[in-house]
C-alpha cells in the first residue's frame, strides 16, 4: 500500500465525549505510523489546547491549528512554519460595538496570543473561567494581528452579528458559527480552511491528494473532507459531512470509530 497522509480532526473524531484519546486509538495510530503512514492533527483548536494530544500520540511532524491558519511543529522553531492573520481593527470594531451586537465575550488568539474580554458570565469550552490581568483584550493590549477571533453572543443576536460581519468585513474574514449549544461565531482569515493546512502537509511530505485520508465530523471539516482523496465522516458527523464524504465510520467517536476504520482500511493487525 502506498504511503498515506492521515489528517485527523480532534473534537468529535479522535477524541471521545470526555475529550480523551482512547487506548485503542493511540495503539492504532501508532501502528499506522510504524507501517510508514503519516498521522497529522488538523484541528480548529488553538495550539495551546491541542499540543497535549500531539504529545500523547508521540507525533513528530507539523500540526495544523485554527482551521488551517497555523502550521507548526510544537515545542520547536521551524523554518517552514506559517501563520495567517487578519487586521486587528476587526477586533477593535467588535469591541466598540459589542453592546449593540449582543456580544458576551471576545477572544483574540494566535500561536503566542490569548486575550479576551467577557461582559457577561458565559461558559464556553476552551477558555479560562478566570482571566488574568495580562489576558484582558483592549486596544492597548492587542498589539499584533490575530489569527482567530471567537465571539460569544446571545442566541437571539447571532444572525445579526453574522449579518454585521458580512456587511463590514466580508473581504477580510470568514465567520463560522460553532455547532453545539453555545451561540459562538469564529472568525478566521478569508479563504483559509482546514484544506489549506492539509495541502501544506501534502507538499511537505510529497503525498498526492489521492493518498490523503481525512477524518472529520463538523462543518469546519468540510473543505478538508472535500480536498482529501478519501474523506471519511464519523458516524456522529453532521448529515452534510456524511453526504460529502466517500465513506462513514461504522462506529462513533465514543466507540473507537476512527481507530476501527483505520485498522480495517490499512489492514493493521488487531
C-alpha atoms as a PDB file:
ATOM      1  CA  UNK A   1       0.000   0.000   0.000  1.00  0.00           C
ATOM      2  CA  UNK A   2       1.239   3.488  -0.878  1.00  0.00           C
ATOM      3  CA  UNK A   3       2.107   5.793   1.997  1.00  0.00           C
ATOM      4  CA  UNK A   4      -0.956   7.675   3.259  1.00  0.00           C
ATOM      5  CA  UNK A   5      -1.272  11.085   4.891  1.00  0.00           C
ATOM      6  CA  UNK A   6      -3.920  10.645   7.592  1.00  0.00           C
ATOM      7  CA  UNK A   7      -5.421  14.001   8.628  1.00  0.00           C
ATOM      8  CA  UNK A   8      -7.363  13.734  11.880  1.00  0.00           C
ATOM      9  CA  UNK A   9      -9.721  16.240  13.428  1.00  0.00           C
ATOM     10  CA  UNK A  10      -9.754  16.214  17.240  1.00  0.00           C
ATOM     11  CA  UNK A  11     -13.161  17.005  18.784  1.00  0.00           C
ATOM     12  CA  UNK A  12     -15.867  14.553  17.793  1.00  0.00           C
ATOM     13  CA  UNK A  13     -13.363  12.485  15.824  1.00  0.00           C
ATOM     14  CA  UNK A  14     -10.110  11.448  17.515  1.00  0.00           C
ATOM     15  CA  UNK A  15     -11.370  12.485  20.959  1.00  0.00           C
ATOM     16  CA  UNK A  16     -14.304  10.880  22.717  1.00  0.00           C
ATOM     17  CA  UNK A  17     -17.028  12.803  24.533  1.00  0.00           C
ATOM     18  CA  UNK A  18     -14.705  13.180  27.525  1.00  0.00           C
ATOM     19  CA  UNK A  19     -12.099  14.869  25.301  1.00  0.00           C
ATOM     20  CA  UNK A  20      -9.779  11.889  25.684  1.00  0.00           C
ATOM     21  CA  UNK A  21      -7.914   9.636  23.271  1.00  0.00           C
ATOM     22  CA  UNK A  22      -8.769   6.012  23.915  1.00  0.00           C
ATOM     23  CA  UNK A  23      -6.108   3.341  24.328  1.00  0.00           C
ATOM     24  CA  UNK A  24      -7.226   1.693  21.087  1.00  0.00           C
ATOM     25  CA  UNK A  25      -6.989   4.946  19.140  1.00  0.00           C
ATOM     26  CA  UNK A  26      -3.452   5.514  20.420  1.00  0.00           C
ATOM     27  CA  UNK A  27      -2.462   1.973  19.534  1.00  0.00           C
ATOM     28  CA  UNK A  28      -3.909   2.060  16.008  1.00  0.00           C
ATOM     29  CA  UNK A  29      -2.447   5.486  15.165  1.00  0.00           C
ATOM     30  CA  UNK A  30       0.945   4.252  16.389  1.00  0.00           C
ATOM     31  CA  UNK A  31       0.578   1.148  14.222  1.00  0.00           C
ATOM     32  CA  UNK A  32      -0.269   3.319  11.236  1.00  0.00           C
ATOM     33  CA  UNK A  33       2.886   5.358  11.717  1.00  0.00           C
ATOM     34  CA  UNK A  34       5.002   2.245  12.220  1.00  0.00           C
ATOM     35  CA  UNK A  35       3.602   0.959   8.917  1.00  0.00           C
ATOM     36  CA  UNK A  36       5.049   4.060   7.220  1.00  0.00           C
ATOM     37  CA  UNK A  37       1.984   6.290   7.082  1.00  0.00           C
ATOM     38  CA  UNK A  38       1.856   9.896   8.286  1.00  0.00           C
ATOM     39  CA  UNK A  39      -0.553  10.980  11.022  1.00  0.00           C
ATOM     40  CA  UNK A  40      -1.253  14.705  11.373  1.00  0.00           C
ATOM     41  CA  UNK A  41      -3.640  16.596  13.628  1.00  0.00           C
ATOM     42  CA  UNK A  42      -5.725  19.164  11.721  1.00  0.00           C
ATOM     43  CA  UNK A  43      -7.951  20.980  14.198  1.00  0.00           C
ATOM     44  CA  UNK A  44      -9.884  24.154  14.813  1.00  0.00           C
ATOM     45  CA  UNK A  45      -8.451  24.239  18.321  1.00  0.00           C
ATOM     46  CA  UNK A  46      -5.687  26.676  19.245  1.00  0.00           C
ATOM     47  CA  UNK A  47      -2.252  25.167  19.700  1.00  0.00           C
ATOM     48  CA  UNK A  48      -2.415  25.932  23.431  1.00  0.00           C
ATOM     49  CA  UNK A  49      -5.031  23.211  23.943  1.00  0.00           C
ATOM     50  CA  UNK A  50      -4.016  20.652  21.341  1.00  0.00           C
ATOM     51  CA  UNK A  51      -0.252  20.215  21.810  1.00  0.00           C
ATOM     52  CA  UNK A  52      -1.039  17.857  24.705  1.00  0.00           C
ATOM     53  CA  UNK A  53      -2.773  15.464  22.310  1.00  0.00           C
ATOM     54  CA  UNK A  54       0.116  15.778  19.842  1.00  0.00           C
ATOM     55  CA  UNK A  55       2.461  14.735  22.660  1.00  0.00           C
ATOM     56  CA  UNK A  56       0.159  11.953  23.815  1.00  0.00           C
ATOM     57  CA  UNK A  57       0.247  10.426  20.333  1.00  0.00           C
ATOM     58  CA  UNK A  58       4.039  10.911  20.130  1.00  0.00           C
ATOM     59  CA  UNK A  59       3.749  12.760  16.833  1.00  0.00           C
ATOM     60  CA  UNK A  60       6.778  14.420  15.299  1.00  0.00           C
ATOM     61  CA  UNK A  61       5.738  16.355  12.202  1.00  0.00           C
ATOM     62  CA  UNK A  62       3.707  19.537  11.733  1.00  0.00           C
ATOM     63  CA  UNK A  63       0.350  20.156  13.403  1.00  0.00           C
ATOM     64  CA  UNK A  64      -2.369  22.359  11.890  1.00  0.00           C
ATOM     65  CA  UNK A  65      -4.367  24.634  14.200  1.00  0.00           C
ATOM     66  CA  UNK A  66      -7.038  27.321  13.906  1.00  0.00           C
ATOM     67  CA  UNK A  67      -8.768  25.537  10.999  1.00  0.00           C
ATOM     68  CA  UNK A  68      -5.740  25.796   8.727  1.00  0.00           C
ATOM     69  CA  UNK A  69      -4.391  29.204   9.765  1.00  0.00           C
ATOM     70  CA  UNK A  70      -1.364  27.895  11.702  1.00  0.00           C
ATOM     71  CA  UNK A  71       1.057  25.180  10.620  1.00  0.00           C
ATOM     72  CA  UNK A  72       3.909  24.495  13.040  1.00  0.00           C
ATOM     73  CA  UNK A  73       5.873  21.852  14.912  1.00  0.00           C
ATOM     74  CA  UNK A  74       5.075  22.109  18.639  1.00  0.00           C
ATOM     75  CA  UNK A  75       7.893  22.875  21.092  1.00  0.00           C
ATOM     76  CA  UNK A  76      10.391  23.970  18.462  1.00  0.00           C
ATOM     77  CA  UNK A  77      11.306  26.645  15.977  1.00  0.00           C
ATOM     78  CA  UNK A  78      10.675  25.530  12.400  1.00  0.00           C
ATOM     79  CA  UNK A  79      11.696  27.397   9.276  1.00  0.00           C
ATOM     80  CA  UNK A  80       8.622  26.285   7.302  1.00  0.00           C
ATOM     81  CA  UNK A  81       6.105  27.377   9.946  1.00  0.00           C
ATOM     82  CA  UNK A  82       3.274  29.597   8.721  1.00  0.00           C
ATOM     83  CA  UNK A  83       0.541  31.667  10.333  1.00  0.00           C
ATOM     84  CA  UNK A  84      -2.246  33.623   8.668  1.00  0.00           C
ATOM     85  CA  UNK A  85      -3.541  36.718  10.446  1.00  0.00           C
ATOM     86  CA  UNK A  86      -6.075  39.448   9.781  1.00  0.00           C
ATOM     87  CA  UNK A  87      -6.222  43.132  10.742  1.00  0.00           C
ATOM     88  CA  UNK A  88      -6.652  43.733  14.469  1.00  0.00           C
ATOM     89  CA  UNK A  89      -9.020  46.598  13.591  1.00  0.00           C
ATOM     90  CA  UNK A  90     -11.721  43.924  13.165  1.00  0.00           C
ATOM     91  CA  UNK A  91     -11.347  43.107  16.863  1.00  0.00           C
ATOM     92  CA  UNK A  92     -11.377  46.773  17.829  1.00  0.00           C
ATOM     93  CA  UNK A  93     -14.571  47.345  15.842  1.00  0.00           C
ATOM     94  CA  UNK A  94     -16.350  44.455  17.559  1.00  0.00           C
ATOM     95  CA  UNK A  95     -15.157  45.696  20.939  1.00  0.00           C
ATOM     96  CA  UNK A  96     -16.647  49.111  20.200  1.00  0.00           C
ATOM     97  CA  UNK A  97     -19.996  47.626  19.104  1.00  0.00           C
ATOM     98  CA  UNK A  98     -20.284  44.698  21.486  1.00  0.00           C
ATOM     99  CA  UNK A  99     -23.321  46.014  23.346  1.00  0.00           C
ATOM    100  CA  UNK A 100     -25.464  46.582  20.256  1.00  0.00           C
ATOM    101  CA  UNK A 101     -24.332  43.234  18.792  1.00  0.00           C
ATOM    102  CA  UNK A 102     -25.184  41.315  21.955  1.00  0.00           C
ATOM    103  CA  UNK A 103     -21.601  40.133  22.423  1.00  0.00           C
ATOM    104  CA  UNK A 104     -20.839  38.480  25.758  1.00  0.00           C
ATOM    105  CA  UNK A 105     -17.233  37.531  25.089  1.00  0.00           C
ATOM    106  CA  UNK A 106     -14.487  38.095  22.528  1.00  0.00           C
ATOM    107  CA  UNK A 107     -11.213  36.180  22.481  1.00  0.00           C
ATOM    108  CA  UNK A 108      -8.326  37.086  20.176  1.00  0.00           C
ATOM    109  CA  UNK A 109      -5.804  34.323  19.577  1.00  0.00           C
ATOM    110  CA  UNK A 110      -2.689  33.369  17.679  1.00  0.00           C
ATOM    111  CA  UNK A 111       0.196  30.982  18.178  1.00  0.00           C
ATOM    112  CA  UNK A 112       1.532  33.027  21.097  1.00  0.00           C
ATOM    113  CA  UNK A 113      -1.526  35.197  21.684  1.00  0.00           C
ATOM    114  CA  UNK A 114      -4.501  34.905  24.008  1.00  0.00           C
ATOM    115  CA  UNK A 115      -6.523  37.934  25.052  1.00  0.00           C
ATOM    116  CA  UNK A 116     -10.196  38.076  25.954  1.00  0.00           C
ATOM    117  CA  UNK A 117     -12.929  40.291  27.342  1.00  0.00           C
ATOM    118  CA  UNK A 118     -16.084  38.985  28.962  1.00  0.00           C
ATOM    119  CA  UNK A 119     -19.044  41.288  29.637  1.00  0.00           C
ATOM    120  CA  UNK A 120     -21.438  38.567  30.793  1.00  0.00           C
ATOM    121  CA  UNK A 121     -20.824  35.253  32.582  1.00  0.00           C
ATOM    122  CA  UNK A 122     -20.503  32.728  29.781  1.00  0.00           C
ATOM    123  CA  UNK A 123     -19.112  29.222  29.848  1.00  0.00           C
ATOM    124  CA  UNK A 124     -17.561  28.409  26.512  1.00  0.00           C
ATOM    125  CA  UNK A 125     -15.267  25.427  26.157  1.00  0.00           C
ATOM    126  CA  UNK A 126     -11.578  26.098  25.552  1.00  0.00           C
ATOM    127  CA  UNK A 127     -11.478  29.368  27.508  1.00  0.00           C
ATOM    128  CA  UNK A 128     -10.264  30.040  31.054  1.00  0.00           C
ATOM    129  CA  UNK A 129     -13.084  30.667  33.523  1.00  0.00           C
ATOM    130  CA  UNK A 130     -10.972  33.407  35.115  1.00  0.00           C
ATOM    131  CA  UNK A 131      -8.929  35.847  33.058  1.00  0.00           C
ATOM    132  CA  UNK A 132      -5.580  37.046  34.353  1.00  0.00           C
ATOM    133  CA  UNK A 133      -4.862  40.772  34.297  1.00  0.00           C
ATOM    134  CA  UNK A 134      -2.443  40.298  31.385  1.00  0.00           C
ATOM    135  CA  UNK A 135      -5.111  38.488  29.365  1.00  0.00           C
ATOM    136  CA  UNK A 136      -7.629  41.329  29.078  1.00  0.00           C
ATOM    137  CA  UNK A 137      -8.400  42.296  25.494  1.00  0.00           C
ATOM    138  CA  UNK A 138      -8.437  46.008  24.661  1.00  0.00           C
ATOM    139  CA  UNK A 139      -6.873  48.456  22.205  1.00  0.00           C
ATOM    140  CA  UNK A 140      -3.688  48.721  24.267  1.00  0.00           C
ATOM    141  CA  UNK A 141      -3.056  45.010  24.849  1.00  0.00           C
ATOM    142  CA  UNK A 142      -3.792  43.758  21.318  1.00  0.00           C
ATOM    143  CA  UNK A 143      -0.638  44.871  19.560  1.00  0.00           C
ATOM    144  CA  UNK A 144      -0.469  42.172  16.870  1.00  0.00           C
ATOM    145  CA  UNK A 145      -2.908  40.936  14.252  1.00  0.00           C
ATOM    146  CA  UNK A 146      -4.858  37.877  15.445  1.00  0.00           C
ATOM    147  CA  UNK A 147      -5.177  34.513  13.743  1.00  0.00           C
ATOM    148  CA  UNK A 148      -8.628  33.922  15.188  1.00  0.00           C
ATOM    149  CA  UNK A 149     -11.436  35.777  16.942  1.00  0.00           C
ATOM    150  CA  UNK A 150     -14.005  33.798  18.895  1.00  0.00           C
ATOM    151  CA  UNK A 151     -17.183  35.708  19.705  1.00  0.00           C
ATOM    152  CA  UNK A 152     -19.918  34.501  22.077  1.00  0.00           C
ATOM    153  CA  UNK A 153     -23.281  36.231  21.693  1.00  0.00           C
ATOM    154  CA  UNK A 154     -26.829  35.978  22.951  1.00  0.00           C
ATOM    155  CA  UNK A 155     -28.553  33.349  20.786  1.00  0.00           C
ATOM    156  CA  UNK A 156     -31.060  35.970  19.619  1.00  0.00           C
ATOM    157  CA  UNK A 157     -28.199  38.140  18.307  1.00  0.00           C
ATOM    158  CA  UNK A 158     -26.226  35.538  16.359  1.00  0.00           C
ATOM    159  CA  UNK A 159     -27.797  36.214  12.963  1.00  0.00           C
ATOM    160  CA  UNK A 160     -27.428  39.963  13.492  1.00  0.00           C
ATOM    161  CA  UNK A 161     -23.718  39.504  14.236  1.00  0.00           C
ATOM    162  CA  UNK A 162     -23.238  37.335  11.133  1.00  0.00           C
ATOM    163  CA  UNK A 163     -25.027  39.939   9.008  1.00  0.00           C
ATOM    164  CA  UNK A 164     -22.880  42.716  10.504  1.00  0.00           C
ATOM    165  CA  UNK A 165     -19.691  40.804   9.726  1.00  0.00           C
ATOM    166  CA  UNK A 166     -20.780  40.053   6.154  1.00  0.00           C
ATOM    167  CA  UNK A 167     -21.628  43.708   5.575  1.00  0.00           C
ATOM    168  CA  UNK A 168     -18.450  45.152   7.085  1.00  0.00           C
ATOM    169  CA  UNK A 169     -15.670  42.588   6.858  1.00  0.00           C
ATOM    170  CA  UNK A 170     -16.553  40.024   4.190  1.00  0.00           C
ATOM    171  CA  UNK A 171     -13.351  40.814   2.270  1.00  0.00           C
ATOM    172  CA  UNK A 172     -11.146  40.174   5.314  1.00  0.00           C
ATOM    173  CA  UNK A 173     -12.593  37.325   7.354  1.00  0.00           C
ATOM    174  CA  UNK A 174     -14.780  34.251   7.148  1.00  0.00           C
ATOM    175  CA  UNK A 175     -17.252  33.889  10.015  1.00  0.00           C
ATOM    176  CA  UNK A 176     -18.498  30.442  11.011  1.00  0.00           C
ATOM    177  CA  UNK A 177     -20.957  29.591  13.796  1.00  0.00           C
ATOM    178  CA  UNK A 178     -19.954  26.701  16.028  1.00  0.00           C
ATOM    179  CA  UNK A 179     -22.102  23.616  16.296  1.00  0.00           C
ATOM    180  CA  UNK A 180     -23.348  22.687  19.740  1.00  0.00           C
ATOM    181  CA  UNK A 181     -25.233  24.519  22.472  1.00  0.00           C
ATOM    182  CA  UNK A 182     -23.285  27.789  22.567  1.00  0.00           C
ATOM    183  CA  UNK A 183     -24.029  30.751  20.289  1.00  0.00           C
ATOM    184  CA  UNK A 184     -20.429  31.231  19.213  1.00  0.00           C
ATOM    185  CA  UNK A 185     -19.045  32.643  15.965  1.00  0.00           C
ATOM    186  CA  UNK A 186     -15.432  32.085  14.963  1.00  0.00           C
ATOM    187  CA  UNK A 187     -13.590  34.466  12.654  1.00  0.00           C
ATOM    188  CA  UNK A 188     -10.619  33.430  10.561  1.00  0.00           C
ATOM    189  CA  UNK A 189      -8.689  34.751   7.583  1.00  0.00           C
ATOM    190  CA  UNK A 190     -10.779  34.922   4.410  1.00  0.00           C
ATOM    191  CA  UNK A 191     -10.438  31.757   2.332  1.00  0.00           C
ATOM    192  CA  UNK A 192      -8.249  29.857   4.795  1.00  0.00           C
ATOM    193  CA  UNK A 193      -9.716  26.486   5.799  1.00  0.00           C
ATOM    194  CA  UNK A 194      -8.525  23.103   7.018  1.00  0.00           C
ATOM    195  CA  UNK A 195      -7.844  22.172   3.383  1.00  0.00           C
ATOM    196  CA  UNK A 196      -5.191  24.922   3.389  1.00  0.00           C
ATOM    197  CA  UNK A 197      -3.349  23.054   6.127  1.00  0.00           C
ATOM    198  CA  UNK A 198      -3.801  19.631   4.519  1.00  0.00           C
ATOM    199  CA  UNK A 199      -2.465  20.947   1.204  1.00  0.00           C
ATOM    200  CA  UNK A 200       0.549  22.334   3.076  1.00  0.00           C
ATOM    201  CA  UNK A 201       1.154  18.938   4.722  1.00  0.00           C
ATOM    202  CA  UNK A 202       0.795  17.120   1.412  1.00  0.00           C
ATOM    203  CA  UNK A 203       3.509  19.304  -0.130  1.00  0.00           C
ATOM    204  CA  UNK A 204       5.747  18.883   2.917  1.00  0.00           C
ATOM    205  CA  UNK A 205       5.520  15.105   2.721  1.00  0.00           C
ATOM    206  CA  UNK A 206       5.233  14.835  -1.092  1.00  0.00           C
ATOM    207  CA  UNK A 207       1.956  12.945  -0.840  1.00  0.00           C
ATOM    208  CA  UNK A 208      -0.528  13.029  -3.730  1.00  0.00           C
ATOM    209  CA  UNK A 209      -4.115  14.004  -2.977  1.00  0.00           C
ATOM    210  CA  UNK A 210      -5.303  10.504  -3.815  1.00  0.00           C
ATOM    211  CA  UNK A 211      -3.243   9.247  -0.855  1.00  0.00           C
ATOM    212  CA  UNK A 212      -4.759  11.646   1.685  1.00  0.00           C
ATOM    213  CA  UNK A 213      -7.304  10.241   4.143  1.00  0.00           C
ATOM    214  CA  UNK A 214      -9.181  12.833   6.209  1.00  0.00           C
ATOM    215  CA  UNK A 215     -11.493  12.203   9.166  1.00  0.00           C
ATOM    216  CA  UNK A 216     -13.990  14.752  10.450  1.00  0.00           C
ATOM    217  CA  UNK A 217     -17.445  15.350  11.879  1.00  0.00           C
ATOM    218  CA  UNK A 218     -18.401  19.040  11.733  1.00  0.00           C
ATOM    219  CA  UNK A 219     -18.873  21.935   9.301  1.00  0.00           C
ATOM    220  CA  UNK A 220     -15.283  23.154   9.745  1.00  0.00           C
ATOM    221  CA  UNK A 221     -14.121  19.808   8.296  1.00  0.00           C
ATOM    222  CA  UNK A 222     -15.991  20.378   5.015  1.00  0.00           C
ATOM    223  CA  UNK A 223     -13.089  21.701   2.929  1.00  0.00           C
ATOM    224  CA  UNK A 224     -10.682  19.073   4.293  1.00  0.00           C
ATOM    225  CA  UNK A 225     -13.063  16.181   3.581  1.00  0.00           C
ATOM    226  CA  UNK A 226     -13.666  17.562   0.094  1.00  0.00           C
ATOM    227  CA  UNK A 227      -9.948  18.056  -0.602  1.00  0.00           C
ATOM    228  CA  UNK A 228      -8.796  14.617   0.527  1.00  0.00           C
ATOM    229  CA  UNK A 229      -8.614  11.722  -1.877  1.00  0.00           C
ATOM    230  CA  UNK A 230     -10.580   9.714   0.676  1.00  0.00           C
ATOM    231  CA  UNK A 231     -12.781  11.693   3.039  1.00  0.00           C
ATOM    232  CA  UNK A 232     -14.281   9.808   5.960  1.00  0.00           C
ATOM    233  CA  UNK A 233     -17.140  11.114   8.089  1.00  0.00           C
ATOM    234  CA  UNK A 234     -17.598   9.904  11.629  1.00  0.00           C
ATOM    235  CA  UNK A 235     -20.812   8.055  12.469  1.00  0.00           C
ATOM    236  CA  UNK A 236     -21.624  11.039  14.718  1.00  0.00           C
ATOM    237  CA  UNK A 237     -20.947  13.569  11.934  1.00  0.00           C
ATOM    238  CA  UNK A 238     -23.447  16.106  10.642  1.00  0.00           C
ATOM    239  CA  UNK A 239     -25.619  14.998   7.702  1.00  0.00           C
ATOM    240  CA  UNK A 240     -23.792  17.465   5.435  1.00  0.00           C
ATOM    241  CA  UNK A 241     -20.389  15.944   6.226  1.00  0.00           C
ATOM    242  CA  UNK A 242     -21.740  12.415   5.753  1.00  0.00           C
ATOM    243  CA  UNK A 243     -23.160  13.443   2.384  1.00  0.00           C
ATOM    244  CA  UNK A 244     -19.815  14.869   1.256  1.00  0.00           C
ATOM    245  CA  UNK A 245     -17.529  12.054   2.432  1.00  0.00           C
ATOM    246  CA  UNK A 246     -16.578   8.953   0.462  1.00  0.00           C
ATOM    247  CA  UNK A 247     -17.306   6.773   3.469  1.00  0.00           C
ATOM    248  CA  UNK A 248     -18.709   6.845   7.016  1.00  0.00           C
ATOM    249  CA  UNK A 249     -17.281   5.021  10.019  1.00  0.00           C
ATOM    250  CA  UNK A 250     -19.480   2.246  11.400  1.00  0.00           C
ATOM    251  CA  UNK A 251     -18.883   3.462  14.971  1.00  0.00           C
ATOM    252  CA  UNK A 252     -18.922   6.922  16.561  1.00  0.00           C
ATOM    253  CA  UNK A 253     -16.155   8.788  18.381  1.00  0.00           C
ATOM    254  CA  UNK A 254     -17.195   7.266  21.712  1.00  0.00           C
ATOM    255  CA  UNK A 255     -16.669   3.738  20.381  1.00  0.00           C
ATOM    256  CA  UNK A 256     -13.302   3.993  18.587  1.00  0.00           C
ATOM    257  CA  UNK A 257     -14.846   4.766  15.202  1.00  0.00           C
ATOM    258  CA  UNK A 258     -11.684   6.274  13.752  1.00  0.00           C
ATOM    259  CA  UNK A 259      -9.400   3.518  15.056  1.00  0.00           C
ATOM    260  CA  UNK A 260     -11.661   0.683  13.931  1.00  0.00           C
ATOM    261  CA  UNK A 261     -11.991   2.194  10.452  1.00  0.00           C
ATOM    262  CA  UNK A 262      -8.236   2.738  10.048  1.00  0.00           C
ATOM    263  CA  UNK A 263      -7.452  -0.731  11.323  1.00  0.00           C
ATOM    264  CA  UNK A 264      -9.559  -2.204   8.552  1.00  0.00           C
ATOM    265  CA  UNK A 265      -8.648   0.306   5.821  1.00  0.00           C
ATOM    266  CA  UNK A 266      -4.880  -0.011   6.373  1.00  0.00           C
ATOM    267  CA  UNK A 267      -5.096  -3.745   7.166  1.00  0.00           C
ATOM    268  CA  UNK A 268      -3.404  -3.317  10.530  1.00  0.00           C
ATOM    269  CA  UNK A 269      -3.127  -6.201  12.998  1.00  0.00           C
ATOM    270  CA  UNK A 270      -5.642  -6.435  15.845  1.00  0.00           C
END
